[in-house]
Amino acid sequence: MKHYTLDGAALAALREAAGLSQAQLASAVGVGPDMLSRYESGARQPSVETAHKIAGALGVDFAAITTGGLRDIAMAAPALRAEAS
């Protein structure tokens, strides 16, 4: 299995750009809001399956929320904002 690290800062930025609260995203993914908070803070790492669910719920590629994902925010955030309006 390929190693990855969830980029909590990218996750938080993309969630906010999508106009979602932690509770809303957590519900869509099937985890508790406290667990999503731990993912964003870097205190916990989700399973690969959960990380893929998070990316899917945000409408971004898995790479956007994993190691190096911050580089993708500039491209993804405007599209997410446009879809939310």
Protein backbone atom coordinates (compact mmCIF):
# COMPACT_ATOMS: atom_id res chain seq x y z
CA MET A 1 0.00 0.00 0.00
CA LYS A 2 1.27 3.44 -0.89
CA HIS A 3 1.95 5.78 2.02
CA TYR A 4 0.21 9.13 2.19
CA THR A 5 -0.27 11.86 4.77
CA LEU A 6 -3.46 13.84 4.98
CA ASP A 7 -2.74 17.56 4.69
CA GLY A 8 -4.97 18.97 7.44
CA ALA A 9 -4.45 22.58 6.38
CA ALA A 10 -5.45 21.77 2.79
CA LEU A 11 -8.47 19.85 4.06
CA ALA A 12 -9.61 22.76 6.20
CA ALA A 13 -9.06 25.31 3.42
CA LEU A 14 -10.95 23.23 0.85
CA ARG A 15 -13.80 22.57 3.30
CA GLU A 16 -14.11 26.29 4.03
CA ALA A 17 -13.91 27.15 0.31
CA ALA A 18 -16.79 24.72 -0.27
CA GLY A 19 -18.79 26.56 2.39
CA LEU A 20 -19.09 23.50 4.61
CA SER A 21 -18.85 23.31 8.38
CA GLN A 22 -16.90 20.50 10.00
CA ALA A 23 -20.22 18.95 11.06
CA GLN A 24 -21.58 19.03 7.50
CA LEU A 25 -18.50 17.43 5.96
CA ALA A 26 -18.23 14.90 8.77
CA SER A 27 -21.86 13.87 8.21
CA ALA A 28 -21.30 13.49 4.47
CA VAL A 29 -18.26 11.28 5.09
CA GLY A 30 -19.70 9.26 7.96
CA VAL A 31 -17.39 10.36 10.78
CA GLY A 32 -18.00 12.54 13.81
CA PRO A 33 -17.20 16.27 13.74
CA ASP A 34 -14.62 15.73 16.50
CA MET A 35 -12.79 13.20 14.31
CA LEU A 36 -12.83 15.57 11.33
CA SER A 37 -11.37 18.24 13.60
CA ARG A 38 -8.58 15.85 14.53
CA TYR A 39 -7.88 15.20 10.85
CA GLU A 40 -7.66 18.93 10.15
CA SER A 41 -5.36 19.54 13.12
CA GLY A 42 -3.10 16.64 12.17
CA ALA A 43 -3.76 14.81 15.43
CA ARG A 44 -5.17 11.79 13.53
CA GLN A 45 -4.84 10.30 10.07
CA PRO A 46 -7.90 8.78 8.38
CA SER A 47 -7.86 5.43 6.64
CA VAL A 48 -7.26 5.56 2.90
CA GLU A 49 -10.95 4.75 2.39
CA THR A 50 -12.05 7.66 4.59
CA ALA A 51 -9.57 10.03 2.94
CA HIS A 52 -11.05 9.11 -0.45
CA LYS A 53 -14.56 9.73 0.91
CA ILE A 54 -13.45 13.16 2.16
CA ALA A 55 -11.97 14.05 -1.22
CA GLY A 56 -15.13 12.85 -2.97
CA ALA A 57 -17.38 14.86 -0.66
CA LEU A 58 -15.30 17.95 -1.44
CA GLY A 59 -15.24 17.20 -5.16
CA VAL A 60 -11.45 17.19 -5.35
CA ASP A 61 -8.79 14.64 -6.21
CA PHE A 62 -7.27 12.58 -3.40
CA ALA A 63 -3.96 14.40 -4.06
CA ALA A 64 -5.54 17.75 -3.15
CA ILE A 65 -5.90 16.74 0.51
CA THR A 66 -2.79 14.62 0.90
CA THR A 67 0.88 15.49 1.16
CA GLY A 68 1.60 18.47 -1.06
CA GLY A 69 -2.09 19.23 -1.45
CA LEU A 70 -1.77 22.93 -0.64
CA ARG A 71 -0.50 23.58 -4.16
CA ASP A 72 -3.91 22.56 -5.49
CA ILE A 73 -5.98 24.93 -3.35
CA ALA A 74 -5.44 27.93 -5.61
CA MET A 75 -6.96 25.96 -8.49
CA ALA A 76 -9.71 24.14 -6.59
CA ALA A 77 -11.01 26.88 -4.28
CA PRO A 78 -12.45 29.23 -6.95
CA ALA A 79 -14.37 26.38 -8.58
CA LEU A 80 -15.74 25.26 -5.21
CA ARG A 81 -16.89 28.79 -4.40
CA ALA A 82 -18.61 29.09 -7.80
CA GLU A 83 -20.47 25.80 -7.25
CA ALA A 84 -21.58 26.88 -3.75
CA SER A 85 -23.23 30.06 -5.02
